[in-house]
Amino acid sequence: MNFFISDAMAAAGGPAQSNPLMSLLPLIIIFVVFYFLLIRPQSKRAKEHRKMIEALAVGDEIVTGGGIAGRVTKVGEQYASVEIANGVEIKVQKHAVGAVLPKGTLKTL
């Protein structure tokens, strides 16, 4: 009886051969989706933030990541001095600036 099983396996051609590209296709699709939905938008936002930080100038009205709003009085290489009230200045790291506000947003300081 054992000799019939060997003949049947030989006639079937053994296990089915799959295309190696088809086995990698789901992985490739997942990577492409992650690139367009996560990686690309994040790098675009980082590039815009870096450009905003480089363009920071005296007189700009800003909001920090912590929610402090003020007017820039001095800009250094790593830090910026921000006036948050009349006579009150704080020093913040430039990368902590969250947004540059339109001129005239902060009426009284």
PDB file of N, CA and C in Angstrom:
ATOM      1  N   MET A   1       0.815  -1.185   0.000  1.00  0.00           N
ATOM      2  CA  MET A   1       0.000   0.000   0.000  1.00  0.00           C
ATOM      3  C   MET A   1       0.862   1.254   0.000  1.00  0.00           C
ATOM      4  N   ASN A   2       2.021   1.151   0.585  1.00  0.00           N
ATOM      5  CA  ASN A   2       2.908   2.288   0.689  1.00  0.00           C
ATOM      6  C   ASN A   2       3.392   2.756  -0.679  1.00  0.00           C
ATOM      7  N   PHE A   3       3.529   1.877  -1.634  1.00  0.00           N
ATOM      8  CA  PHE A   3       4.039   2.240  -2.953  1.00  0.00           C
ATOM      9  C   PHE A   3       3.019   3.071  -3.740  1.00  0.00           C
ATOM     10  N   PHE A   4       1.697   2.960  -3.430  1.00  0.00           N
ATOM     11  CA  PHE A   4       0.685   3.779  -4.110  1.00  0.00           C
ATOM     12  C   PHE A   4       0.785   5.253  -3.678  1.00  0.00           C
ATOM     13  N   ILE A   5       1.091   5.479  -2.422  1.00  0.00           N
ATOM     14  CA  ILE A   5       1.181   6.842  -1.902  1.00  0.00           C
ATOM     15  C   ILE A   5       2.358   7.561  -2.544  1.00  0.00           C
ATOM     16  N   SER A   6       3.477   6.863  -2.722  1.00  0.00           N
ATOM     17  CA  SER A   6       4.636   7.477  -3.349  1.00  0.00           C
ATOM     18  C   SER A   6       4.332   7.869  -4.780  1.00  0.00           C
ATOM     19  N   ASP A   7       3.629   7.021  -5.507  1.00  0.00           N
ATOM     20  CA  ASP A   7       3.287   7.327  -6.892  1.00  0.00           C
ATOM     21  C   ASP A   7       2.325   8.519  -6.964  1.00  0.00           C
ATOM     22  N   ALA A   8       1.401   8.595  -6.044  1.00  0.00           N
ATOM     23  CA  ALA A   8       0.434   9.695  -6.057  1.00  0.00           C
ATOM     24  C   ALA A   8       1.128  11.025  -5.768  1.00  0.00           C
ATOM     25  N   MET A   9       2.076  11.052  -4.846  1.00  0.00           N
ATOM     26  CA  MET A   9       2.800  12.290  -4.532  1.00  0.00           C
ATOM     27  C   MET A   9       3.659  12.715  -5.714  1.00  0.00           C
ATOM     28  N   ALA A  10       4.254  11.764  -6.391  1.00  0.00           N
ATOM     29  CA  ALA A  10       5.096  12.076  -7.537  1.00  0.00           C
ATOM     30  C   ALA A  10       4.260  12.621  -8.684  1.00  0.00           C
ATOM     31  N   ALA A  11       3.053  12.124  -8.860  1.00  0.00           N
ATOM     32  CA  ALA A  11       2.193  12.571  -9.943  1.00  0.00           C
ATOM     33  C   ALA A  11       1.655  13.973  -9.673  1.00  0.00           C
ATOM     34  N   ALA A  12       1.458  14.317  -8.413  1.00  0.00           N
ATOM     35  CA  ALA A  12       0.910  15.628  -8.067  1.00  0.00           C
ATOM     36  C   ALA A  12       1.961  16.732  -8.224  1.00  0.00           C
ATOM     37  N   GLY A  13       3.210  16.418  -8.233  1.00  0.00           N
ATOM     38  CA  GLY A  13       4.255  17.415  -8.409  1.00  0.00           C
ATOM     39  C   GLY A  13       4.753  17.985  -7.099  1.00  0.00           C
ATOM     40  N   GLY A  14       4.361  17.439  -5.991  1.00  0.00           N
ATOM     41  CA  GLY A  14       4.840  17.910  -4.693  1.00  0.00           C
ATOM     42  C   GLY A  14       4.060  19.143  -4.256  1.00  0.00           C
ATOM     43  N   PRO A  15       4.616  19.864  -3.305  1.00  0.00           N
ATOM     44  CA  PRO A  15       3.918  21.059  -2.813  1.00  0.00           C
ATOM     45  C   PRO A  15       3.850  22.146  -3.890  1.00  0.00           C
ATOM     46  N   ALA A  16       2.824  22.944  -3.826  1.00  0.00           N
ATOM     47  CA  ALA A  16       2.621  23.987  -4.826  1.00  0.00           C
ATOM     48  C   ALA A  16       3.697  25.058  -4.688  1.00  0.00           C
ATOM     49  N   GLN A  17       4.231  25.515  -5.792  1.00  0.00           N
ATOM     50  CA  GLN A  17       5.250  26.560  -5.808  1.00  0.00           C
ATOM     51  C   GLN A  17       4.550  27.923  -5.856  1.00  0.00           C
ATOM     52  N   SER A  18       4.976  28.842  -4.953  1.00  0.00           N
ATOM     53  CA  SER A  18       4.379  30.177  -4.965  1.00  0.00           C
ATOM     54  C   SER A  18       5.410  31.177  -5.468  1.00  0.00           C
ATOM     55  N   ASN A  19       4.929  32.244  -6.015  1.00  0.00           N
ATOM     56  CA  ASN A  19       5.792  33.291  -6.539  1.00  0.00           C
ATOM     57  C   ASN A  19       6.368  34.091  -5.357  1.00  0.00           C
ATOM     58  N   PRO A  20       7.677  34.267  -5.262  1.00  0.00           N
ATOM     59  CA  PRO A  20       8.254  34.998  -4.128  1.00  0.00           C
ATOM     60  C   PRO A  20       7.791  36.463  -4.080  1.00  0.00           C
ATOM     61  N   LEU A  21       7.524  37.051  -5.222  1.00  0.00           N
ATOM     62  CA  LEU A  21       7.044  38.427  -5.252  1.00  0.00           C
ATOM     63  C   LEU A  21       5.660  38.540  -4.631  1.00  0.00           C
ATOM     64  N   MET A  22       4.831  37.552  -4.847  1.00  0.00           N
ATOM     65  CA  MET A  22       3.477  37.579  -4.295  1.00  0.00           C
ATOM     66  C   MET A  22       3.499  37.415  -2.776  1.00  0.00           C
ATOM     67  N   SER A  23       4.501  36.739  -2.247  1.00  0.00           N
ATOM     68  CA  SER A  23       4.580  36.596  -0.796  1.00  0.00           C
ATOM     69  C   SER A  23       5.085  37.890  -0.141  1.00  0.00           C
ATOM     70  N   LEU A  24       5.844  38.714  -0.851  1.00  0.00           N
ATOM     71  CA  LEU A  24       6.334  39.983  -0.330  1.00  0.00           C
ATOM     72  C   LEU A  24       5.389  41.152  -0.623  1.00  0.00           C
ATOM     73  N   LEU A  25       4.426  40.948  -1.483  1.00  0.00           N
ATOM     74  CA  LEU A  25       3.522  42.019  -1.887  1.00  0.00           C
ATOM     75  C   LEU A  25       2.763  42.661  -0.720  1.00  0.00           C
ATOM     76  N   PRO A  26       2.194  41.914   0.231  1.00  0.00           N
ATOM     77  CA  PRO A  26       1.513  42.574   1.357  1.00  0.00           C
ATOM     78  C   PRO A  26       2.454  43.453   2.191  1.00  0.00           C
ATOM     79  N   LEU A  27       3.685  42.999   2.379  1.00  0.00           N
ATOM     80  CA  LEU A  27       4.655  43.783   3.126  1.00  0.00           C
ATOM     81  C   LEU A  27       4.987  45.085   2.401  1.00  0.00           C
ATOM     82  N   ILE A  28       5.145  45.015   1.118  1.00  0.00           N
ATOM     83  CA  ILE A  28       5.437  46.203   0.311  1.00  0.00           C
ATOM     84  C   ILE A  28       4.258  47.173   0.351  1.00  0.00           C
ATOM     85  N   ILE A  29       3.057  46.668   0.247  1.00  0.00           N
ATOM     86  CA  ILE A  29       1.863  47.519   0.290  1.00  0.00           C
ATOM     87  C   ILE A  29       1.745  48.217   1.649  1.00  0.00           C
ATOM     88  N   ILE A  30       2.004  47.502   2.729  1.00  0.00           N
ATOM     89  CA  ILE A  30       1.935  48.098   4.065  1.00  0.00           C
ATOM     90  C   ILE A  30       2.984  49.208   4.206  1.00  0.00           C
ATOM     91  N   PHE A  31       4.195  48.993   3.702  1.00  0.00           N
ATOM     92  CA  PHE A  31       5.230  50.020   3.773  1.00  0.00           C
ATOM     93  C   PHE A  31       4.837  51.261   2.983  1.00  0.00           C
ATOM     94  N   VAL A  32       4.279  51.092   1.804  1.00  0.00           N
ATOM     95  CA  VAL A  32       3.853  52.231   0.981  1.00  0.00           C
ATOM     96  C   VAL A  32       2.755  53.021   1.686  1.00  0.00           C
ATOM     97  N   VAL A  33       1.807  52.320   2.297  1.00  0.00           N
ATOM     98  CA  VAL A  33       0.731  53.003   3.024  1.00  0.00           C
ATOM     99  C   VAL A  33       1.300  53.774   4.208  1.00  0.00           C
ATOM    100  N   PHE A  34       2.203  53.186   4.977  1.00  0.00           N
ATOM    101  CA  PHE A  34       2.831  53.882   6.097  1.00  0.00           C
ATOM    102  C   PHE A  34       3.605  55.103   5.617  1.00  0.00           C
ATOM    103  N   TYR A  35       4.281  54.984   4.480  1.00  0.00           N
ATOM    104  CA  TYR A  35       5.052  56.114   3.968  1.00  0.00           C
ATOM    105  C   TYR A  35       4.135  57.292   3.652  1.00  0.00           C
ATOM    106  N   PHE A  36       3.063  57.043   2.927  1.00  0.00           N
ATOM    107  CA  PHE A  36       2.187  58.147   2.516  1.00  0.00           C
ATOM    108  C   PHE A  36       1.289  58.658   3.634  1.00  0.00           C
ATOM    109  N   LEU A  37       0.971  57.841   4.622  1.00  0.00           N
ATOM    110  CA  LEU A  37       0.080  58.284   5.690  1.00  0.00           C
ATOM    111  C   LEU A  37       0.807  58.775   6.938  1.00  0.00           C
ATOM    112  N   LEU A  38       2.028  58.311   7.189  1.00  0.00           N
ATOM    113  CA  LEU A  38       2.724  58.674   8.419  1.00  0.00           C
ATOM    114  C   LEU A  38       4.058  59.376   8.192  1.00  0.00           C
ATOM    115  N   ILE A  39       4.938  58.787   7.434  1.00  0.00           N
ATOM    116  CA  ILE A  39       6.300  59.283   7.324  1.00  0.00           C
ATOM    117  C   ILE A  39       6.371  60.588   6.532  1.00  0.00           C
ATOM    118  N   ARG A  40       5.757  60.639   5.370  1.00  0.00           N
ATOM    119  CA  ARG A  40       5.825  61.826   4.509  1.00  0.00           C
ATOM    120  C   ARG A  40       5.191  63.055   5.158  1.00  0.00           C
ATOM    121  N   PRO A  41       3.965  62.976   5.713  1.00  0.00           N
ATOM    122  CA  PRO A  41       3.400  64.172   6.354  1.00  0.00           C
ATOM    123  C   PRO A  41       4.219  64.663   7.552  1.00  0.00           C
ATOM    124  N   GLN A  42       4.782  63.741   8.328  1.00  0.00           N
ATOM    125  CA  GLN A  42       5.585  64.133   9.485  1.00  0.00           C
ATOM    126  C   GLN A  42       6.850  64.855   9.052  1.00  0.00           C
ATOM    127  N   SER A  43       7.516  64.377   8.030  1.00  0.00           N
ATOM    128  CA  SER A  43       8.732  65.049   7.570  1.00  0.00           C
ATOM    129  C   SER A  43       8.400  66.401   6.945  1.00  0.00           C
ATOM    130  N   LYS A  44       7.243  66.518   6.310  1.00  0.00           N
ATOM    131  CA  LYS A  44       6.813  67.794   5.740  1.00  0.00           C
ATOM    132  C   LYS A  44       6.561  68.817   6.845  1.00  0.00           C
ATOM    133  N   ARG A  45       5.881  68.399   7.937  1.00  0.00           N
ATOM    134  CA  ARG A  45       5.638  69.296   9.068  1.00  0.00           C
ATOM    135  C   ARG A  45       6.960  69.716   9.723  1.00  0.00           C
ATOM    136  N   ALA A  46       7.887  68.788   9.866  1.00  0.00           N
ATOM    137  CA  ALA A  46       9.184  69.102  10.468  1.00  0.00           C
ATOM    138  C   ALA A  46       9.947  70.110   9.613  1.00  0.00           C
ATOM    139  N   LYS A  47       9.867  69.972   8.309  1.00  0.00           N
ATOM    140  CA  LYS A  47      10.545  70.900   7.406  1.00  0.00           C
ATOM    141  C   LYS A  47       9.932  72.296   7.517  1.00  0.00           C
ATOM    142  N   GLU A  48       8.607  72.390   7.596  1.00  0.00           N
ATOM    143  CA  GLU A  48       7.941  73.681   7.743  1.00  0.00           C
ATOM    144  C   GLU A  48       8.287  74.332   9.084  1.00  0.00           C
ATOM    145  N   HIS A  49       8.362  73.539  10.159  1.00  0.00           N
ATOM    146  CA  HIS A  49       8.708  74.068  11.474  1.00  0.00           C
ATOM    147  C   HIS A  49      10.140  74.581  11.482  1.00  0.00           C
ATOM    148  N   ARG A  50      11.047  73.846  10.864  1.00  0.00           N
ATOM    149  CA  ARG A  50      12.444  74.259  10.785  1.00  0.00           C
ATOM    150  C   ARG A  50      12.564  75.582  10.018  1.00  0.00           C
ATOM    151  N   LYS A  51      11.806  75.722   8.935  1.00  0.00           N
ATOM    152  CA  LYS A  51      11.820  76.953   8.149  1.00  0.00           C
ATOM    153  C   LYS A  51      11.266  78.122   8.969  1.00  0.00           C
ATOM    154  N   MET A  52      10.198  77.884   9.750  1.00  0.00           N
ATOM    155  CA  MET A  52       9.613  78.917  10.589  1.00  0.00           C
ATOM    156  C   MET A  52      10.614  79.376  11.647  1.00  0.00           C
ATOM    157  N   ILE A  53      11.337  78.452  12.258  1.00  0.00           N
ATOM    158  CA  ILE A  53      12.315  78.784  13.292  1.00  0.00           C
ATOM    159  C   ILE A  53      13.463  79.611  12.702  1.00  0.00           C
ATOM    160  N   GLU A  54      13.905  79.259  11.509  1.00  0.00           N
ATOM    161  CA  GLU A  54      14.997  79.999  10.879  1.00  0.00           C
ATOM    162  C   GLU A  54      14.578  81.421  10.514  1.00  0.00           C
ATOM    163  N   ALA A  55      13.288  81.631  10.217  1.00  0.00           N
ATOM    164  CA  ALA A  55      12.797  82.949   9.818  1.00  0.00           C
ATOM    165  C   ALA A  55      12.369  83.804  11.009  1.00  0.00           C
ATOM    166  N   LEU A  56      12.513  83.296  12.220  1.00  0.00           N
ATOM    167  CA  LEU A  56      12.107  84.032  13.418  1.00  0.00           C
ATOM    168  C   LEU A  56      12.923  85.319  13.543  1.00  0.00           C
ATOM    169  N   ALA A  57      12.220  86.451  13.742  1.00  0.00           N
ATOM    170  CA  ALA A  57      12.895  87.747  13.810  1.00  0.00           C
ATOM    171  C   ALA A  57      12.338  88.570  14.968  1.00  0.00           C
ATOM    172  N   VAL A  58      13.055  89.606  15.322  1.00  0.00           N
ATOM    173  CA  VAL A  58      12.627  90.506  16.385  1.00  0.00           C
ATOM    174  C   VAL A  58      11.320  91.180  15.953  1.00  0.00           C
ATOM    175  N   GLY A  59      10.366  91.206  16.882  1.00  0.00           N
ATOM    176  CA  GLY A  59       9.074  91.822  16.603  1.00  0.00           C
ATOM    177  C   GLY A  59       7.995  90.823  16.237  1.00  0.00           C
ATOM    178  N   ASP A  60       8.381  89.590  15.937  1.00  0.00           N
ATOM    179  CA  ASP A  60       7.387  88.560  15.620  1.00  0.00           C
ATOM    180  C   ASP A  60       6.591  88.211  16.875  1.00  0.00           C
ATOM    181  N   GLU A  61       5.318  87.960  16.691  1.00  0.00           N
ATOM    182  CA  GLU A  61       4.465  87.523  17.791  1.00  0.00           C
ATOM    183  C   GLU A  61       4.327  86.020  17.693  1.00  0.00           C
ATOM    184  N   ILE A  62       4.621  85.327  18.801  1.00  0.00           N
ATOM    185  CA  ILE A  62       4.697  83.870  18.780  1.00  0.00           C
ATOM    186  C   ILE A  62       3.866  83.261  19.897  1.00  0.00           C
ATOM    187  N   VAL A  63       3.621  81.969  19.758  1.00  0.00           N
ATOM    188  CA  VAL A  63       3.047  81.146  20.817  1.00  0.00           C
ATOM    189  C   VAL A  63       3.980  79.961  20.982  1.00  0.00           C
ATOM    190  N   THR A  64       4.364  79.679  22.226  1.00  0.00           N
ATOM    191  CA  THR A  64       5.248  78.545  22.478  1.00  0.00           C
ATOM    192  C   THR A  64       4.428  77.257  22.549  1.00  0.00           C
ATOM    193  N   GLY A  65       5.121  76.151  22.608  1.00  0.00           N
ATOM    194  CA  GLY A  65       4.461  74.861  22.742  1.00  0.00           C
ATOM    195  C   GLY A  65       3.679  74.731  24.034  1.00  0.00           C
ATOM    196  N   GLY A  66       4.063  75.491  25.050  1.00  0.00           N
ATOM    197  CA  GLY A  66       3.366  75.475  26.338  1.00  0.00           C
ATOM    198  C   GLY A  66       2.196  76.435  26.401  1.00  0.00           C
ATOM    199  N   GLY A  67       1.977  77.207  25.337  1.00  0.00           N
ATOM    200  CA  GLY A  67       0.839  78.117  25.294  1.00  0.00           C
ATOM    201  C   GLY A  67       1.144  79.541  25.703  1.00  0.00           C
ATOM    202  N   ILE A  68       2.394  79.879  25.903  1.00  0.00           N
ATOM    203  CA  ILE A  68       2.769  81.249  26.283  1.00  0.00           C
ATOM    204  C   ILE A  68       2.865  82.091  25.014  1.00  0.00           C
ATOM    205  N   ALA A  69       2.139  83.218  25.008  1.00  0.00           N
ATOM    206  CA  ALA A  69       2.144  84.115  23.860  1.00  0.00           C
ATOM    207  C   ALA A  69       2.958  85.352  24.197  1.00  0.00           C
ATOM    208  N   GLY A  70       3.704  85.843  23.221  1.00  0.00           N
ATOM    209  CA  GLY A  70       4.507  87.037  23.453  1.00  0.00           C
ATOM    210  C   GLY A  70       5.144  87.534  22.182  1.00  0.00           C
ATOM    211  N   ARG A  71       5.931  88.607  22.337  1.00  0.00           N
ATOM    212  CA  ARG A  71       6.616  89.238  21.215  1.00  0.00           C
ATOM    213  C   ARG A  71       8.117  89.006  21.371  1.00  0.00           C
ATOM    214  N   VAL A  72       8.776  88.621  20.289  1.00  0.00           N
ATOM    215  CA  VAL A  72      10.212  88.339  20.307  1.00  0.00           C
ATOM    216  C   VAL A  72      10.983  89.653  20.423  1.00  0.00           C
ATOM    217  N   THR A  73      11.906  89.707  21.386  1.00  0.00           N
ATOM    218  CA  THR A  73      12.735  90.903  21.556  1.00  0.00           C
ATOM    219  C   THR A  73      14.187  90.669  21.152  1.00  0.00           C
ATOM    220  N   LYS A  74      14.681  89.446  21.297  1.00  0.00           N
ATOM    221  CA  LYS A  74      16.051  89.096  20.891  1.00  0.00           C
ATOM    222  C   LYS A  74      16.029  87.677  20.338  1.00  0.00           C
ATOM    223  N   VAL A  75      16.837  87.464  19.319  1.00  0.00           N
ATOM    224  CA  VAL A  75      16.954  86.124  18.735  1.00  0.00           C
ATOM    225  C   VAL A  75      18.409  85.720  18.754  1.00  0.00           C
ATOM    226  N   GLY A  76      18.684  84.607  19.406  1.00  0.00           N
ATOM    227  CA  GLY A  76      20.038  84.054  19.441  1.00  0.00           C
ATOM    228  C   GLY A  76      20.108  82.816  18.565  1.00  0.00           C
ATOM    229  N   GLU A  77      21.207  82.094  18.718  1.00  0.00           N
ATOM    230  CA  GLU A  77      21.389  80.877  17.920  1.00  0.00           C
ATOM    231  C   GLU A  77      20.468  79.757  18.394  1.00  0.00           C
ATOM    232  N   GLN A  78      20.346  79.584  19.716  1.00  0.00           N
ATOM    233  CA  GLN A  78      19.524  78.518  20.280  1.00  0.00           C
ATOM    234  C   GLN A  78      18.298  79.033  21.021  1.00  0.00           C
ATOM    235  N   TYR A  79      18.369  80.284  21.519  1.00  0.00           N
ATOM    236  CA  TYR A  79      17.310  80.832  22.363  1.00  0.00           C
ATOM    237  C   TYR A  79      16.756  82.115  21.776  1.00  0.00           C
ATOM    238  N   ALA A  80      15.542  82.455  22.201  1.00  0.00           N
ATOM    239  CA  ALA A  80      14.920  83.726  21.850  1.00  0.00           C
ATOM    240  C   ALA A  80      14.340  84.328  23.122  1.00  0.00           C
ATOM    241  N   SER A  81      14.468  85.636  23.266  1.00  0.00           N
ATOM    242  CA  SER A  81      13.855  86.332  24.403  1.00  0.00           C
ATOM    243  C   SER A  81      12.477  86.788  23.961  1.00  0.00           C
ATOM    244  N   VAL A  82      11.491  86.521  24.810  1.00  0.00           N
ATOM    245  CA  VAL A  82      10.105  86.833  24.476  1.00  0.00           C
ATOM    246  C   VAL A  82       9.522  87.697  25.580  1.00  0.00           C
ATOM    247  N   GLU A  83       8.946  88.839  25.183  1.00  0.00           N
ATOM    248  CA  GLU A  83       8.276  89.717  26.132  1.00  0.00           C
ATOM    249  C   GLU A  83       6.829  89.265  26.248  1.00  0.00           C
ATOM    250  N   ILE A  84       6.433  88.821  27.450  1.00  0.00           N
ATOM    251  CA  ILE A  84       5.079  88.306  27.644  1.00  0.00           C
ATOM    252  C   ILE A  84       4.177  89.318  28.325  1.00  0.00           C
ATOM    253  N   ALA A  85       4.757  90.350  28.931  1.00  0.00           N
ATOM    254  CA  ALA A  85       4.019  91.462  29.531  1.00  0.00           C
ATOM    255  C   ALA A  85       4.976  92.646  29.574  1.00  0.00           C
ATOM    256  N   ASN A  86       4.458  93.842  29.881  1.00  0.00           N
ATOM    257  CA  ASN A  86       5.331  95.015  29.942  1.00  0.00           C
ATOM    258  C   ASN A  86       6.429  94.788  30.967  1.00  0.00           C
ATOM    259  N   GLY A  87       7.682  94.789  30.492  1.00  0.00           N
ATOM    260  CA  GLY A  87       8.827  94.622  31.375  1.00  0.00           C
ATOM    261  C   GLY A  87       9.104  93.193  31.797  1.00  0.00           C
ATOM    262  N   VAL A  88       8.360  92.225  31.301  1.00  0.00           N
ATOM    263  CA  VAL A  88       8.570  90.827  31.679  1.00  0.00           C
ATOM    264  C   VAL A  88       9.052  90.059  30.450  1.00  0.00           C
ATOM    265  N   GLU A  89      10.290  89.607  30.511  1.00  0.00           N
ATOM    266  CA  GLU A  89      10.859  88.838  29.404  1.00  0.00           C
ATOM    267  C   GLU A  89      11.242  87.452  29.888  1.00  0.00           C
ATOM    268  N   ILE A  90      11.037  86.484  29.036  1.00  0.00           N
ATOM    269  CA  ILE A  90      11.479  85.122  29.320  1.00  0.00           C
ATOM    270  C   ILE A  90      12.348  84.657  28.166  1.00  0.00           C
ATOM    271  N   LYS A  91      13.190  83.702  28.444  1.00  0.00           N
ATOM    272  CA  LYS A  91      14.043  83.127  27.412  1.00  0.00           C
ATOM    273  C   LYS A  91      13.511  81.735  27.109  1.00  0.00           C
ATOM    274  N   VAL A  92      13.252  81.457  25.836  1.00  0.00           N
ATOM    275  CA  VAL A  92      12.737  80.150  25.422  1.00  0.00           C
ATOM    276  C   VAL A  92      13.655  79.571  24.352  1.00  0.00           C
ATOM    277  N   GLN A  93      13.689  78.262  24.286  1.00  0.00           N
ATOM    278  CA  GLN A  93      14.423  77.611  23.204  1.00  0.00           C
ATOM    279  C   GLN A  93      13.658  77.824  21.916  1.00  0.00           C
ATOM    280  N   LYS A  94      14.391  78.036  20.836  1.00  0.00           N
ATOM    281  CA  LYS A  94      13.731  78.349  19.563  1.00  0.00           C
ATOM    282  C   LYS A  94      12.863  77.198  19.063  1.00  0.00           C
ATOM    283  N   HIS A  95      13.277  75.970  19.325  1.00  0.00           N
ATOM    284  CA  HIS A  95      12.478  74.852  18.826  1.00  0.00           C
ATOM    285  C   HIS A  95      11.171  74.676  19.606  1.00  0.00           C
ATOM    286  N   ALA A  96      11.026  75.407  20.747  1.00  0.00           N
ATOM    287  CA  ALA A  96       9.796  75.332  21.522  1.00  0.00           C
ATOM    288  C   ALA A  96       8.714  76.261  20.981  1.00  0.00           C
ATOM    289  N   VAL A  97       9.047  77.079  19.990  1.00  0.00           N
ATOM    290  CA  VAL A  97       8.068  77.979  19.385  1.00  0.00           C
ATOM    291  C   VAL A  97       7.085  77.123  18.583  1.00  0.00           C
ATOM    292  N   GLY A  98       5.806  77.261  18.910  1.00  0.00           N
ATOM    293  CA  GLY A  98       4.786  76.455  18.233  1.00  0.00           C
ATOM    294  C   GLY A  98       4.242  77.100  16.986  1.00  0.00           C
ATOM    295  N   ALA A  99       4.070  78.442  17.015  1.00  0.00           N
ATOM    296  CA  ALA A  99       3.506  79.131  15.864  1.00  0.00           C
ATOM    297  C   ALA A  99       3.896  80.597  15.899  1.00  0.00           C
ATOM    298  N   VAL A 100       3.993  81.192  14.723  1.00  0.00           N
ATOM    299  CA  VAL A 100       4.185  82.628  14.591  1.00  0.00           C
ATOM    300  C   VAL A 100       2.815  83.211  14.249  1.00  0.00           C
ATOM    301  N   LEU A 101       2.377  84.144  15.077  1.00  0.00           N
ATOM    302  CA  LEU A 101       1.054  84.742  14.904  1.00  0.00           C
ATOM    303  C   LEU A 101       1.112  85.891  13.906  1.00  0.00           C
ATOM    304  N   PRO A 102      -0.020  86.232  13.297  1.00  0.00           N
ATOM    305  CA  PRO A 102      -0.060  87.408  12.416  1.00  0.00           C
ATOM    306  C   PRO A 102       0.208  88.682  13.218  1.00  0.00           C
ATOM    307  N   LYS A 103       0.802  89.670  12.574  1.00  0.00           N
ATOM    308  CA  LYS A 103       1.117  90.935  13.247  1.00  0.00           C
ATOM    309  C   LYS A 103      -0.162  91.573  13.780  1.00  0.00           C
ATOM    310  N   GLY A 104      -0.078  92.083  15.013  1.00  0.00           N
ATOM    311  CA  GLY A 104      -1.218  92.762  15.625  1.00  0.00           C
ATOM    312  C   GLY A 104      -2.139  91.836  16.403  1.00  0.00           C
ATOM    313  N   THR A 105      -1.811  90.571  16.497  1.00  0.00           N
ATOM    314  CA  THR A 105      -2.649  89.625  17.250  1.00  0.00           C
ATOM    315  C   THR A 105      -2.608  89.957  18.726  1.00  0.00           C
ATOM    316  N   LEU A 106      -1.437  90.246  19.244  1.00  0.00           N
ATOM    317  CA  LEU A 106      -1.274  90.602  20.647  1.00  0.00           C
ATOM    318  C   LEU A 106      -1.352  92.119  20.736  1.00  0.00           C
ATOM    319  N   LYS A 107      -2.453  92.624  21.234  1.00  0.00           N
ATOM    320  CA  LYS A 107      -2.673  94.085  21.270  1.00  0.00           C
ATOM    321  C   LYS A 107      -1.847  94.762  22.336  1.00  0.00           C
ATOM    322  N   THR A 108      -1.916  94.274  23.563  1.00  0.00           N
ATOM    323  CA  THR A 108      -1.222  94.963  24.644  1.00  0.00           C
ATOM    324  C   THR A 108      -0.208  94.035  25.292  1.00  0.00           C
ATOM    325  N   LEU A 109       0.965  94.559  25.469  1.00  0.00           N
ATOM    326  CA  LEU A 109       2.012  93.843  26.217  1.00  0.00           C
ATOM    327  C   LEU A 109       2.574  94.758  27.246  1.00  0.00           C
TER     328      LEU A 109
END
